[in-house]
Protein backbone atom coordinates (compact mmCIF):
# COMPACT_ATOMS: atom_id res chain seq x y z
CA UNK A 1 103.53 -3.47 -16.39
CA UNK A 2 104.89 -7.36 -15.69
CA UNK A 3 104.82 -7.71 -18.92
CA UNK A 4 107.66 -5.06 -18.66
CA UNK A 5 109.83 -6.58 -15.99
CA UNK A 6 109.94 -10.61 -16.93
CA UNK A 7 110.93 -8.40 -20.70
CA UNK A 8 114.09 -6.73 -18.78
CA UNK A 9 114.62 -9.54 -17.18
CA UNK A 10 115.14 -11.89 -20.14
CA UNK A 11 116.91 -9.23 -21.87
CA UNK A 12 120.26 -8.71 -18.89
CA UNK A 13 120.08 -12.65 -18.00
CA UNK A 14 122.57 -14.67 -18.93
CA UNK A 15 122.19 -17.72 -21.02
CA UNK A 16 125.51 -18.62 -19.89
CA UNK A 17 126.94 -18.06 -16.68
CA UNK A 18 130.07 -18.96 -15.38
CA UNK A 19 130.99 -20.03 -12.10
CA UNK A 20 135.03 -19.70 -10.42
CA UNK A 21 134.57 -21.60 -7.29
CA UNK A 22 137.58 -21.15 -5.55
CA UNK A 23 137.81 -19.18 -2.34
CA UNK A 24 141.74 -18.60 -3.10
CA UNK A 25 142.95 -15.26 -3.77
CA UNK A 26 145.34 -16.62 -6.46
CA UNK A 27 143.18 -19.19 -8.03
CA UNK A 28 143.91 -20.91 -11.34
CA UNK A 29 140.98 -21.82 -11.79
CA UNK A 30 139.49 -18.77 -11.75
CA UNK A 31 142.08 -17.99 -14.80
CA UNK A 32 140.19 -21.09 -16.83
CA UNK A 33 137.22 -19.34 -15.58
CA UNK A 34 137.71 -15.86 -17.37
CA UNK A 35 139.46 -17.30 -20.70
CA UNK A 36 136.26 -18.68 -21.08
CA UNK A 37 133.50 -16.45 -20.21
CA UNK A 38 136.22 -13.94 -22.36
CA UNK A 39 135.65 -16.46 -25.34
CA UNK A 40 131.18 -17.02 -24.62
CA UNK A 41 131.42 -12.65 -24.75
CA UNK A 42 133.51 -12.92 -28.40
CA UNK A 43 131.30 -14.87 -29.77
CA UNK A 44 128.45 -12.21 -28.96
CA UNK A 45 126.51 -14.46 -26.02
CA UNK A 46 125.32 -13.06 -22.95
CA UNK A 47 127.39 -14.01 -20.48
CA UNK A 48 127.01 -13.79 -16.60
CA UNK A 49 130.15 -14.64 -14.04
CA UNK A 50 129.70 -15.55 -10.53
CA UNK A 51 132.67 -15.49 -8.20
CA UNK A 52 132.24 -16.98 -4.52
CA UNK A 53 135.25 -15.84 -2.89
CA UNK A 54 133.18 -11.61 -4.34
CA UNK A 55 129.84 -14.31 -2.88
CA UNK A 56 130.32 -15.97 -0.21
CA UNK A 57 127.92 -18.66 0.65
CA UNK A 58 127.61 -20.21 3.76
CA UNK A 59 128.60 -23.72 5.03
CA UNK A 60 125.11 -26.18 4.29
CA UNK A 61 123.92 -27.15 6.77
CA UNK A 62 120.86 -28.66 5.80
CA UNK A 63 118.96 -25.81 7.97
CA UNK A 64 119.60 -22.51 8.55
CA UNK A 65 122.01 -22.09 5.77
CA UNK A 66 119.12 -22.22 3.21
CA UNK A 67 118.37 -18.60 4.09
CA UNK A 68 120.80 -16.54 4.02
CA UNK A 69 120.66 -13.97 1.55
CA UNK A 70 123.36 -14.87 -0.77
CA UNK A 71 121.85 -18.06 -1.37
CA UNK A 72 118.64 -17.27 -2.15
CA UNK A 73 120.83 -14.70 -4.33
CA UNK A 74 123.47 -17.50 -6.47
CA UNK A 75 120.14 -20.05 -6.55
CA UNK A 76 118.52 -17.13 -8.84
CA UNK A 77 121.43 -16.85 -10.97
CA UNK A 78 122.14 -20.98 -11.45
CA UNK A 79 118.16 -21.06 -11.88
CA UNK A 80 117.82 -18.74 -14.59
CA UNK A 81 121.14 -19.46 -17.09
CA UNK A 82 120.91 -22.12 -19.42
CA UNK A 83 124.55 -23.20 -19.09
CA UNK A 84 126.27 -22.80 -16.48
CA UNK A 85 130.38 -23.69 -16.72
CA UNK A 86 132.17 -23.96 -13.63
CA UNK A 87 135.41 -23.68 -13.01
CA UNK A 88 137.23 -25.48 -9.25
CA UNK A 89 140.22 -26.55 -8.13
CA UNK A 90 141.07 -30.00 -6.97
CA UNK A 91 141.84 -30.84 -3.41
CA UNK A 92 142.61 -34.42 -3.26
CA UNK A 93 141.87 -36.48 -5.99
CA UNK A 94 138.22 -34.31 -6.00
CA UNK A 95 135.89 -31.19 -6.50
CA UNK A 96 136.55 -28.38 -3.80
CA UNK A 97 134.06 -28.71 -1.30
CA UNK A 98 133.64 -24.58 -2.52
CA UNK A 99 132.12 -26.44 -5.99
CA UNK A 100 130.38 -29.41 -4.08
CA UNK A 101 128.35 -26.68 -1.19
CA UNK A 102 126.90 -24.53 -4.40
CA UNK A 103 125.15 -27.78 -4.70
CA UNK A 104 123.91 -28.40 -1.86
CA UNK A 105 122.72 -25.45 -1.00
CA UNK A 106 121.25 -24.62 -4.58
CA UNK A 107 119.60 -28.06 -5.52
CA UNK A 108 116.77 -28.18 -7.77
CA UNK A 109 118.37 -24.89 -9.56
CA UNK A 110 120.71 -27.02 -11.28
CA UNK A 111 117.17 -29.71 -12.99
CA UNK A 112 117.77 -30.07 -16.80
CA UNK A 113 120.47 -27.42 -16.35
CA UNK A 114 123.61 -27.90 -19.49
CA UNK A 115 126.92 -27.76 -17.37
CA UNK A 116 129.97 -28.24 -18.33
CA UNK A 117 133.58 -28.59 -16.10
CA UNK A 118 137.53 -26.71 -15.98
CA UNK A 119 140.03 -28.44 -13.61
CA UNK A 120 143.03 -26.80 -12.25
CA UNK A 121 144.78 -29.27 -10.10
CA UNK A 122 148.73 -29.24 -8.76
CA UNK A 123 148.94 -32.77 -10.84
CA UNK A 124 148.42 -34.78 -13.98
CA UNK A 125 146.42 -37.62 -11.61
CA UNK A 126 143.24 -36.16 -10.73
CA UNK A 127 141.93 -36.05 -14.38
CA UNK A 128 139.05 -37.65 -13.17
CA UNK A 129 137.56 -36.30 -9.80
CA UNK A 130 134.98 -34.35 -10.74
CA UNK A 131 132.92 -37.30 -12.14
CA UNK A 132 131.23 -37.35 -8.33
CA UNK A 133 130.33 -34.20 -8.80
CA UNK A 134 129.28 -35.08 -12.98
CA UNK A 135 127.00 -37.76 -11.59
CA UNK A 136 125.08 -36.15 -8.99
CA UNK A 137 123.97 -33.42 -11.40
CA UNK A 138 123.38 -35.96 -14.28
CA UNK A 139 121.15 -38.35 -11.24
CA UNK A 140 119.91 -35.76 -9.08
CA UNK A 141 118.43 -33.23 -11.28
CA UNK A 142 119.05 -34.75 -14.48
CA UNK A 143 121.48 -31.37 -15.85
CA UNK A 144 123.25 -32.95 -19.29
CA UNK A 145 127.20 -32.83 -18.22
CA UNK A 146 128.87 -32.00 -21.61
CA UNK A 147 130.79 -34.59 -21.76
CA UNK A 148 134.26 -32.58 -23.13
CA UNK A 149 135.75 -30.81 -20.02
CA UNK A 150 138.99 -29.54 -19.68
CA UNK A 151 141.30 -30.20 -16.71
CA UNK A 152 144.41 -28.49 -16.63
CA UNK A 153 147.35 -29.30 -14.52
CA UNK A 154 149.31 -26.39 -12.65
CA UNK A 155 152.42 -26.28 -15.60
CA UNK A 156 149.71 -24.93 -17.41
CA UNK A 157 150.16 -21.83 -15.79
CA UNK A 158 153.04 -19.40 -14.99
CA UNK A 159 153.61 -16.22 -13.35
CA UNK A 160 149.20 -16.10 -12.57
CA UNK A 161 148.46 -16.74 -15.76
CA UNK A 162 147.54 -19.83 -17.73
CA UNK A 163 150.18 -19.67 -20.49
CA UNK A 164 149.45 -23.47 -22.10
CA UNK A 165 148.04 -22.65 -25.67
CA UNK A 166 146.36 -26.78 -25.30
CA UNK A 167 144.00 -25.31 -22.84
CA UNK A 168 143.33 -22.78 -24.17
CA UNK A 169 142.25 -24.07 -27.80
CA UNK A 170 140.35 -26.72 -24.93
CA UNK A 171 138.84 -24.30 -23.29
CA UNK A 172 137.57 -22.57 -26.84
CA UNK A 173 136.05 -25.93 -27.87
CA UNK A 174 134.14 -26.14 -24.43
CA UNK A 175 132.95 -22.70 -24.86
CA UNK A 176 131.52 -23.95 -28.27
CA UNK A 177 130.25 -27.07 -27.02
CA UNK A 178 128.10 -25.09 -24.01
CA UNK A 179 126.44 -22.94 -27.03
CA UNK A 180 126.18 -26.38 -29.34
CA UNK A 181 124.56 -28.46 -26.35
CA UNK A 182 122.66 -25.01 -24.45
CA UNK A 183 121.02 -24.46 -28.53
CA UNK A 184 119.93 -27.92 -29.29
CA UNK A 185 118.30 -28.90 -26.23
CA UNK A 186 117.02 -25.10 -24.83
CA UNK A 187 117.19 -23.41 -28.41
CA UNK A 188 118.91 -20.76 -27.12
């Protein structure tokens, strides 16, 4: 009976998890995430969706926050995916606090994962904002960070839609690179 449960779990567990880290209802980074999720699904891949707006996490306090039911669920989802693609807003030249909070609460679930980034920002000057979080994932959890991340400033969006063909092309390439890295490193 345990073998049947394991088989069902592996059939339903996505290899790729796309995470929207914005808490803003009109999020541009969520648009990036949705587009990338569709790119993965169009390739016939098992791709899951996690939206931190729909799954609120407590603020990491280094103590009781780890016991919150949402943390256990999110941790399990991160742990079971082979590749995680994070879409996040850039605020004040840094990754959003929600994205950093996600990593703090789920910790070693990121160990040896392939990770990619999609960032949405108001201006063109924050393109290196993701490096602190990427370095933490690489150094603390030995995550493999895809060196081709997507950065989109406000000119890529109009009326709540992703309108930049160049950004769309880069998202397609990010999805392809996620598959290439994951297949090469994980065999999945």
